[in-house]
Amino acid sequence: MPRLTTFLIFLAVAIAILGGMHGYIWLRLVRDPGLPEPWRRLLTWMLLGAGLLIPLGLFAARLAGRSWIRVIPSAAFLWMGMAFLLFATLLAVDVVRSGAWLSSWVADWFRQLPEPPADPARRQFVARAVAGGAVLVAGTAGLVSYRSATGPAVIEEVPIRLPKLPPSLSGYTIAQISDLHVGPTIREKEVRRVIEQTNALKPDLIVITGDLVDGTPRELGHIVAELARLQARHGVVFNTGNHEYYSGVDAWLELLPTLGIRPLRNQQVAIGDEGGRFTLAGVDDWSASQFGRGHGMDLEKAVAGHDGERPLVLLAHQPRDFEAAVRAGVDLQLSGHTHGGQLFPFNLAVRATVPWVKGLYRETFDNRTGQIYVSRGTGYWGPPMRLGSPPEISKLILTS
């Protein structure tokens, strides 16, 4: 399918979802409470404007190199998160109320009681109470999630046993950064904090498992250049995520090596010394083949020639092909992409599409056993909010 057609379909679906979500919020916060004028008209126009702000913000994000324009995507993404929380809160209330009404109706039907007459005043009181409560709950959740997303990352220390690991490498540490999403709202301050937190771990190896940027090197190169200060005994390795392919991937693949960051693209490298080694492989993002010749995930090429005598660790941005990786002999896969769901209850939708959402999993396929660690992500995408899924920098401790 041509990329333009794919984009137009995505745009139509996104507009339909945004329109439906804002329409539902208007019904519950403006129409049902029976707000008097001019409040009804004012809130209607405010919701309409806020809804239009989101696509405008997504467009303005591509011009984020200009500081004054960054205000637009920041406001748009913040409202996107708040609108989602409002929608989810109101929907949860309606589900509970519908369940209670249905239970009452069934009970009355069995008792053959007449339905009580409608009370408009009571109905309006309940609608206003629901609207006010939803705004309070969503606002509190929004504040908590904003502080979580924009604060320091949580350091997750995760011991991982690899039976084939040489004893000399037992205790080897890998710091994993994933889904940093440097862009309109994640700038120099946030990148420097991530560097300081990562270097403080004194890792043997640093891996960046994709979605590092949301913008081109011309827009963000001076910020990403800060990553040259990352320090690890065996260096810094990177593999592409889907957002690199929206951001001029070839230019980034030229720039990163100048910062001391080595891209692994369907290839492998030995990590360690003569005392013991493991194999580290990396693949292009799962979606990369859509973006032209020379790009595409090739797991077979990435693991070719591995003898199976030493552990094979794979960097793959998306966790969806974990089963294929285990069948190919991968002992440990490091991924991101899911953000751990980022904003509850969106994590429920993420879990419906992929079973490996966050944390460490151990699976067996065709008598082959492998492990996958899925990072919640170090930054965020879209709304500067994280609810139930704080940002993380993973300190993976390999043991034999």
Protein backbone atom coordinates (compact mmCIF):
# COMPACT_ATOMS: atom_id res chain seq x y z
CA MET A 1 0.00 0.00 0.00
CA PRO A 2 1.51 3.40 -0.98
CA ARG A 3 2.71 5.49 1.96
CA LEU A 4 0.36 8.37 1.03
CA THR A 5 -2.65 6.05 1.15
CA THR A 6 -1.49 4.63 4.48
CA PHE A 7 -1.09 8.15 5.86
CA LEU A 8 -4.55 9.23 4.66
CA ILE A 9 -6.15 6.17 6.24
CA PHE A 10 -4.31 6.85 9.49
CA LEU A 11 -5.38 10.50 9.38
CA ALA A 12 -9.04 9.59 8.80
CA VAL A 13 -9.04 7.06 11.65
CA ALA A 14 -7.28 9.50 14.00
CA ILE A 15 -9.76 12.30 13.23
CA ALA A 16 -12.69 9.93 13.77
CA ILE A 17 -11.31 8.80 17.13
CA LEU A 18 -10.53 12.34 18.28
CA GLY A 19 -13.93 13.58 17.12
CA GLY A 20 -15.76 10.76 18.86
CA MET A 21 -13.80 11.24 22.09
CA HIS A 22 -14.41 14.99 22.21
CA GLY A 23 -18.06 14.54 21.28
CA TYR A 24 -18.52 12.13 24.19
CA ILE A 25 -16.79 14.55 26.58
CA TRP A 26 -19.10 17.35 25.37
CA LEU A 27 -22.19 15.20 25.97
CA ARG A 28 -21.17 14.38 29.53
CA LEU A 29 -19.62 17.68 30.62
CA VAL A 30 -21.73 20.25 28.73
CA ARG A 31 -25.03 18.89 27.43
CA ASP A 32 -26.12 16.46 30.17
CA PRO A 33 -25.46 18.84 33.10
CA GLY A 34 -27.71 21.40 31.39
CA LEU A 35 -25.24 24.25 31.77
CA PRO A 36 -26.76 27.73 31.35
CA GLU A 37 -25.54 30.26 28.85
CA PRO A 38 -22.95 31.62 28.35
CA TRP A 39 -21.13 28.66 29.98
CA ARG A 40 -22.61 26.14 27.58
CA ARG A 41 -21.45 28.09 24.52
CA LEU A 42 -18.05 28.92 26.05
CA LEU A 43 -17.23 25.31 26.99
CA THR A 44 -18.47 24.08 23.62
CA TRP A 45 -16.08 26.38 21.77
CA MET A 46 -13.26 25.54 24.18
CA LEU A 47 -13.68 21.80 23.56
CA LEU A 48 -13.84 22.36 19.82
CA GLY A 49 -10.68 24.45 19.89
CA ALA A 50 -8.88 21.96 22.12
CA GLY A 51 -9.83 19.15 19.75
CA LEU A 52 -8.46 21.05 16.75
CA LEU A 53 -5.30 21.86 18.72
CA ILE A 54 -4.20 18.21 18.67
CA PRO A 55 -3.71 17.79 14.87
CA LEU A 56 -2.27 21.33 14.76
CA GLY A 57 0.21 20.34 17.47
CA LEU A 58 1.26 17.21 15.59
CA PHE A 59 1.98 19.34 12.54
CA ALA A 60 3.81 22.00 14.58
CA ALA A 61 5.98 19.28 16.14
CA ARG A 62 7.74 18.94 12.79
CA LEU A 63 8.85 22.58 13.15
CA ALA A 64 10.03 22.14 16.71
CA GLY A 65 13.46 23.57 15.94
CA ARG A 66 11.91 27.00 16.47
CA SER A 67 11.51 27.56 20.20
CA TRP A 68 8.31 29.63 20.01
CA ILE A 69 6.55 26.91 17.98
CA ARG A 70 7.27 24.25 20.65
CA VAL A 71 4.55 25.80 22.80
CA ILE A 72 1.89 24.49 20.38
CA PRO A 73 2.80 20.76 20.46
CA SER A 74 3.41 20.98 24.22
CA ALA A 75 -0.11 22.31 24.78
CA ALA A 76 -1.59 19.87 22.26
CA PHE A 77 0.05 16.81 23.80
CA LEU A 78 -0.89 17.90 27.31
CA TRP A 79 -4.54 18.26 26.30
CA MET A 80 -4.40 14.93 24.45
CA GLY A 81 -3.48 13.22 27.71
CA MET A 82 -6.08 15.11 29.75
CA ALA A 83 -8.80 14.39 27.17
CA PHE A 84 -7.97 10.69 27.29
CA LEU A 85 -8.13 10.65 31.09
CA LEU A 86 -11.45 12.53 31.05
CA PHE A 87 -12.86 10.17 28.44
CA ALA A 88 -11.71 7.08 30.36
CA THR A 89 -13.09 8.40 33.67
CA LEU A 90 -16.47 9.31 32.20
CA LEU A 91 -16.70 6.00 30.36
CA ALA A 92 -15.88 4.06 33.55
CA VAL A 93 -18.64 5.94 35.41
CA ASP A 94 -21.13 5.23 32.63
CA VAL A 95 -20.24 1.53 32.60
CA VAL A 96 -20.76 1.31 36.36
CA ARG A 97 -24.04 3.26 36.19
CA SER A 98 -25.29 1.13 33.29
CA GLY A 99 -24.49 -2.03 35.24
CA ALA A 100 -26.33 -0.72 38.30
CA TRP A 101 -29.33 0.35 36.20
CA LEU A 102 -29.47 -3.02 34.45
CA SER A 103 -29.33 -4.89 37.77
CA SER A 104 -32.11 -2.69 39.19
CA TRP A 105 -34.24 -3.13 36.04
CA VAL A 106 -33.89 -6.90 36.15
CA ALA A 107 -34.79 -6.97 39.86
CA ASP A 108 -37.84 -4.75 39.26
CA TRP A 109 -38.94 -6.88 36.31
CA PHE A 110 -38.90 -10.02 38.43
CA ARG A 111 -40.84 -8.22 41.15
CA GLN A 112 -43.15 -6.68 38.50
CA LEU A 113 -42.73 -3.19 39.97
CA PRO A 114 -43.74 -0.15 37.87
CA GLU A 115 -40.90 2.06 36.66
CA PRO A 116 -40.67 5.21 38.80
CA PRO A 117 -41.48 8.49 37.05
CA ALA A 118 -38.56 10.50 35.66
CA ASP A 119 -37.27 13.30 37.86
CA PRO A 120 -35.55 15.97 35.69
CA ALA A 121 -34.09 17.80 38.68
CA ARG A 122 -32.54 14.63 40.09
CA ARG A 123 -31.22 13.65 36.67
CA GLN A 124 -29.55 17.06 36.26
CA PHE A 125 -28.06 16.87 39.76
CA VAL A 126 -26.56 13.45 39.03
CA ALA A 127 -25.20 14.64 35.65
CA ARG A 128 -23.52 17.66 37.28
CA ALA A 129 -22.12 15.51 40.10
CA VAL A 130 -20.70 13.04 37.56
CA ALA A 131 -19.20 15.85 35.46
CA GLY A 132 -17.62 17.55 38.47
CA GLY A 133 -16.30 14.29 39.89
CA ALA A 134 -14.86 13.24 36.54
CA VAL A 135 -13.02 16.55 36.14
CA LEU A 136 -11.62 16.22 39.68
CA VAL A 137 -10.48 12.61 39.21
CA ALA A 138 -9.02 13.19 35.74
CA GLY A 139 -7.30 16.41 36.86
CA THR A 140 -5.68 14.67 39.84
CA ALA A 141 -4.60 11.75 37.66
CA GLY A 142 -3.24 14.20 35.09
CA LEU A 143 -1.12 15.99 37.70
CA VAL A 144 0.26 12.74 39.10
CA SER A 145 1.01 11.36 35.63
CA TYR A 146 2.68 14.62 34.52
CA ARG A 147 5.02 14.58 37.50
CA SER A 148 5.85 10.92 36.83
CA ALA A 149 6.65 11.46 33.14
CA THR A 150 8.74 14.60 33.57
CA GLY A 151 10.67 13.53 36.66
CA PRO A 152 13.83 11.39 36.89
CA ALA A 153 13.67 7.89 35.47
CA VAL A 154 13.32 4.97 37.85
CA ILE A 155 16.44 2.77 37.92
CA GLU A 156 15.27 -0.83 37.46
CA GLU A 157 17.91 -3.34 38.59
CA VAL A 158 17.10 -6.66 36.95
CA PRO A 159 19.21 -9.80 37.49
CA ILE A 160 19.05 -12.09 34.44
CA ARG A 161 20.52 -15.58 34.47
CA LEU A 162 22.10 -16.79 31.24
CA PRO A 163 23.41 -20.35 31.72
CA LYS A 164 25.86 -20.07 28.81
CA LEU A 165 27.45 -16.88 30.15
CA PRO A 166 31.16 -17.38 30.89
CA PRO A 167 31.85 -17.22 34.66
CA SER A 168 34.27 -14.33 34.05
CA LEU A 169 31.31 -12.22 32.81
CA SER A 170 28.96 -13.06 35.69
CA GLY A 171 27.82 -9.71 37.08
CA TYR A 172 28.18 -7.98 33.71
CA THR A 173 25.93 -4.91 33.60
CA ILE A 174 24.00 -3.50 30.65
CA ALA A 175 22.28 -0.12 30.97
CA GLN A 176 19.28 0.04 28.65
CA ILE A 177 17.84 3.35 27.43
CA SER A 178 14.76 3.05 25.25
CA ASP A 179 12.09 5.29 23.73
CA LEU A 180 13.68 8.54 24.87
CA HIS A 181 11.83 10.43 22.11
CA VAL A 182 14.00 13.54 22.02
CA GLY A 183 11.80 16.08 20.27
CA PRO A 184 9.36 18.92 20.86
CA THR A 185 9.02 18.41 24.62
CA ILE A 186 12.10 16.35 25.58
CA ARG A 187 15.10 18.64 25.24
CA GLU A 188 18.61 19.30 26.60
CA LYS A 189 17.62 19.25 30.28
CA GLU A 190 15.98 15.84 30.07
CA VAL A 191 18.78 14.33 27.95
CA ARG A 192 21.46 15.55 30.36
CA ARG A 193 19.58 14.05 33.30
CA VAL A 194 19.36 10.68 31.52
CA ILE A 195 23.11 10.81 30.79
CA GLU A 196 23.92 11.55 34.44
CA GLN A 197 21.67 8.77 35.71
CA THR A 198 23.08 6.25 33.22
CA ASN A 199 26.73 7.09 33.82
CA ALA A 200 26.16 6.85 37.58
CA LEU A 201 25.37 3.15 37.09
CA LYS A 202 28.92 2.57 35.77
CA PRO A 203 27.66 -0.02 33.26
CA ASP A 204 29.88 -2.30 31.21
CA LEU A 205 27.72 -1.65 28.13
CA ILE A 206 24.99 0.83 27.20
CA VAL A 207 22.29 -0.10 24.69
CA ILE A 208 19.72 2.26 23.16
CA THR A 209 16.83 0.16 21.87
CA GLY A 210 15.19 2.55 19.42
CA ASP A 211 12.86 5.55 19.27
CA LEU A 212 15.65 7.86 20.33
CA VAL A 213 14.34 10.86 18.35
CA ASP A 214 11.26 12.57 16.96
CA GLY A 215 12.82 14.95 14.49
CA THR A 216 15.72 15.37 12.08
CA PRO A 217 19.41 15.93 12.91
CA ARG A 218 19.02 19.53 11.73
CA GLU A 219 16.37 20.07 14.42
CA LEU A 220 17.74 17.88 17.19
CA GLY A 221 21.39 17.13 16.38
CA HIS A 222 22.72 19.62 18.94
CA ILE A 223 20.66 17.94 21.69
CA VAL A 224 21.45 14.34 20.75
CA ALA A 225 25.15 15.34 20.61
CA GLU A 226 25.01 15.36 24.42
CA LEU A 227 24.89 11.55 24.27
CA ALA A 228 28.59 11.56 23.36
CA ARG A 229 29.12 11.90 27.13
CA LEU A 230 27.69 8.41 27.82
CA GLN A 231 30.40 6.21 29.31
CA ALA A 232 30.67 2.42 29.39
CA ARG A 233 33.61 0.01 29.27
CA HIS A 234 32.35 -1.64 26.07
CA GLY A 235 30.76 1.42 24.53
CA VAL A 236 27.26 2.40 23.40
CA VAL A 237 25.22 0.42 20.87
CA PHE A 238 22.00 1.48 19.12
CA ASN A 239 19.30 -0.14 17.02
CA THR A 240 16.52 1.64 15.18
CA GLY A 241 12.93 2.05 16.31
CA ASN A 242 9.95 3.00 14.19
CA HIS A 243 10.25 6.71 15.03
CA GLU A 244 13.74 6.93 13.52
CA TYR A 245 12.09 6.10 10.21
CA TYR A 246 9.76 9.07 10.57
CA SER A 247 12.73 11.32 11.32
CA GLY A 248 15.29 10.89 8.54
CA VAL A 249 16.85 7.59 9.55
CA ASP A 250 19.79 7.68 7.13
CA ALA A 251 20.98 11.04 8.44
CA TRP A 252 20.79 9.75 12.01
CA LEU A 253 22.72 6.60 11.10
CA GLU A 254 25.48 8.85 9.76
CA LEU A 255 25.50 11.13 12.81
CA LEU A 256 25.38 8.63 15.68
CA PRO A 257 28.78 6.99 15.01
CA THR A 258 30.41 10.42 15.26
CA LEU A 259 29.06 10.55 18.84
CA GLY A 260 30.58 7.18 19.73
CA ILE A 261 27.27 5.32 19.32
CA ARG A 262 27.44 2.21 17.16
CA PRO A 263 24.32 1.22 15.18
CA LEU A 264 23.72 -2.52 14.89
CA ARG A 265 21.67 -3.16 11.76
CA ASN A 266 20.96 -6.83 11.18
CA GLN A 267 24.44 -7.66 12.40
CA GLN A 268 26.29 -8.93 15.45
CA VAL A 269 29.38 -8.17 17.47
CA ALA A 270 31.31 -10.06 20.16
CA ILE A 271 31.24 -8.39 23.57
CA GLY A 272 33.90 -9.13 26.19
CA ASP A 273 37.54 -10.14 26.09
CA GLU A 274 39.69 -13.24 25.90
CA GLY A 275 38.41 -14.28 29.32
CA GLY A 276 34.89 -14.68 27.97
CA ARG A 277 32.44 -13.22 25.50
CA PHE A 278 28.80 -13.11 24.52
CA THR A 279 27.28 -12.21 21.16
CA LEU A 280 25.26 -9.02 20.80
CA ALA A 281 23.04 -8.73 17.73
CA GLY A 282 20.78 -5.92 16.58
CA VAL A 283 18.03 -5.66 13.97
CA ASP A 284 16.28 -2.85 12.16
CA ASP A 285 12.83 -2.02 13.45
CA TRP A 286 10.02 -4.42 12.56
CA SER A 287 8.38 -1.75 10.34
CA ALA A 288 11.59 -0.63 8.59
CA SER A 289 10.95 -2.40 5.27
CA GLN A 290 8.22 0.15 4.48
CA PHE A 291 10.78 2.94 4.28
CA GLY A 292 12.81 2.09 1.20
CA ARG A 293 15.55 -0.19 0.00
CA GLY A 294 18.33 -1.01 2.40
CA HIS A 295 16.04 -1.05 5.44
CA GLY A 296 14.17 -3.91 7.02
CA MET A 297 14.34 -6.33 9.91
CA ASP A 298 16.42 -9.39 8.97
CA LEU A 299 16.69 -11.67 11.99
CA GLU A 300 18.26 -14.50 10.01
CA LYS A 301 21.09 -12.25 8.86
CA ALA A 302 21.58 -10.80 12.34
CA VAL A 303 22.16 -14.20 13.98
CA ALA A 304 23.93 -15.91 11.06
CA GLY A 305 27.10 -17.71 12.07
CA HIS A 306 26.39 -17.71 15.79
CA ASP A 307 27.73 -21.02 17.12
CA GLY A 308 25.39 -21.35 20.11
CA GLU A 309 28.33 -21.88 22.47
CA ARG A 310 27.96 -18.46 24.07
CA PRO A 311 24.89 -16.40 24.91
CA LEU A 312 23.15 -14.51 22.13
CA VAL A 313 21.58 -11.19 23.16
CA LEU A 314 19.36 -9.44 20.61
CA LEU A 315 18.38 -5.77 20.42
CA ALA A 316 14.96 -5.48 18.75
CA HIS A 317 12.90 -2.35 19.29
CA GLN A 318 9.49 -4.05 19.10
CA PRO A 319 8.86 -7.20 21.16
CA ARG A 320 6.37 -8.69 18.70
CA ASP A 321 8.86 -11.11 17.02
CA PHE A 322 10.19 -12.58 20.27
CA GLU A 323 8.94 -16.07 19.42
CA ALA A 324 10.86 -16.03 16.12
CA ALA A 325 13.96 -14.80 17.97
CA VAL A 326 13.83 -17.69 20.45
CA ARG A 327 13.43 -20.18 17.60
CA ALA A 328 16.51 -18.58 15.99
CA GLY A 329 18.59 -19.26 19.12
CA VAL A 330 18.33 -15.92 20.94
CA ASP A 331 18.85 -16.30 24.70
CA LEU A 332 17.84 -12.77 25.69
CA GLN A 333 16.01 -10.08 23.73
CA LEU A 334 16.01 -6.43 24.83
CA SER A 335 13.09 -4.36 23.57
CA GLY A 336 10.99 -1.27 24.22
CA HIS A 337 8.26 0.32 22.07
CA THR A 338 5.29 -0.43 24.35
CA HIS A 339 6.08 2.29 26.95
CA GLY A 340 4.51 -0.18 29.38
CA GLY A 341 1.20 1.26 28.21
CA GLN A 342 2.34 4.74 29.37
CA LEU A 343 -1.08 5.99 30.46
CA PHE A 344 -3.59 3.80 32.31
CA PRO A 345 -5.95 2.40 31.10
CA PHE A 346 -4.30 2.48 27.64
CA ASN A 347 -2.02 -0.32 28.85
CA LEU A 348 -5.01 -2.68 28.54
CA ALA A 349 -5.17 -1.98 24.80
CA VAL A 350 -1.40 -2.48 24.47
CA ARG A 351 -1.61 -5.83 26.27
CA ALA A 352 -4.30 -6.93 23.80
CA THR A 353 -1.87 -6.47 20.88
CA VAL A 354 1.32 -7.95 22.37
CA PRO A 355 1.74 -10.21 25.43
CA TRP A 356 5.12 -8.76 26.44
CA VAL A 357 4.39 -5.25 27.69
CA LYS A 358 6.93 -4.49 30.42
CA GLY A 359 9.45 -6.33 32.53
CA LEU A 360 11.17 -9.71 32.22
CA TYR A 361 9.51 -12.74 30.63
CA ARG A 362 10.72 -16.30 30.09
CA GLU A 363 9.11 -18.33 27.31
CA THR A 364 9.63 -21.73 25.66
CA PHE A 365 8.83 -22.38 21.99
CA ASP A 366 9.55 -25.76 20.36
CA ASN A 367 11.75 -26.80 23.29
CA ARG A 368 13.82 -23.63 23.00
CA THR A 369 13.75 -21.26 25.95
CA GLY A 370 14.52 -17.56 25.81
CA GLN A 371 13.98 -14.42 27.84
CA ILE A 372 12.86 -10.95 26.90
CA TYR A 373 13.15 -7.73 28.86
CA VAL A 374 10.76 -4.98 27.71
CA SER A 375 11.61 -1.51 28.95
CA ARG A 376 8.82 0.88 29.90
CA GLY A 377 10.83 3.54 28.08
CA THR A 378 12.98 6.38 29.35
CA GLY A 379 10.95 9.24 27.88
CA TYR A 380 7.41 9.40 26.56
CA TRP A 381 5.57 9.98 23.31
CA GLY A 382 2.75 12.49 22.93
CA PRO A 383 1.27 13.49 26.28
CA PRO A 384 3.93 14.29 28.89
CA MET A 385 2.13 11.85 31.18
CA ARG A 386 2.76 8.41 32.62
CA LEU A 387 0.20 6.73 34.84
CA GLY A 388 1.02 3.30 36.22
CA SER A 389 4.14 3.08 34.07
CA PRO A 390 6.94 5.44 35.23
CA PRO A 391 9.95 6.08 32.97
CA GLU A 392 12.91 3.78 33.48
CA ILE A 393 16.58 3.23 32.84
CA SER A 394 17.23 -0.50 33.13
CA LYS A 395 20.33 -1.88 34.82
CA LEU A 396 20.44 -5.48 33.60
CA ILE A 397 22.81 -7.67 35.60
CA LEU A 398 23.83 -10.83 33.73
CA THR A 399 24.76 -13.88 35.77
CA SER A 400 25.84 -17.37 34.79
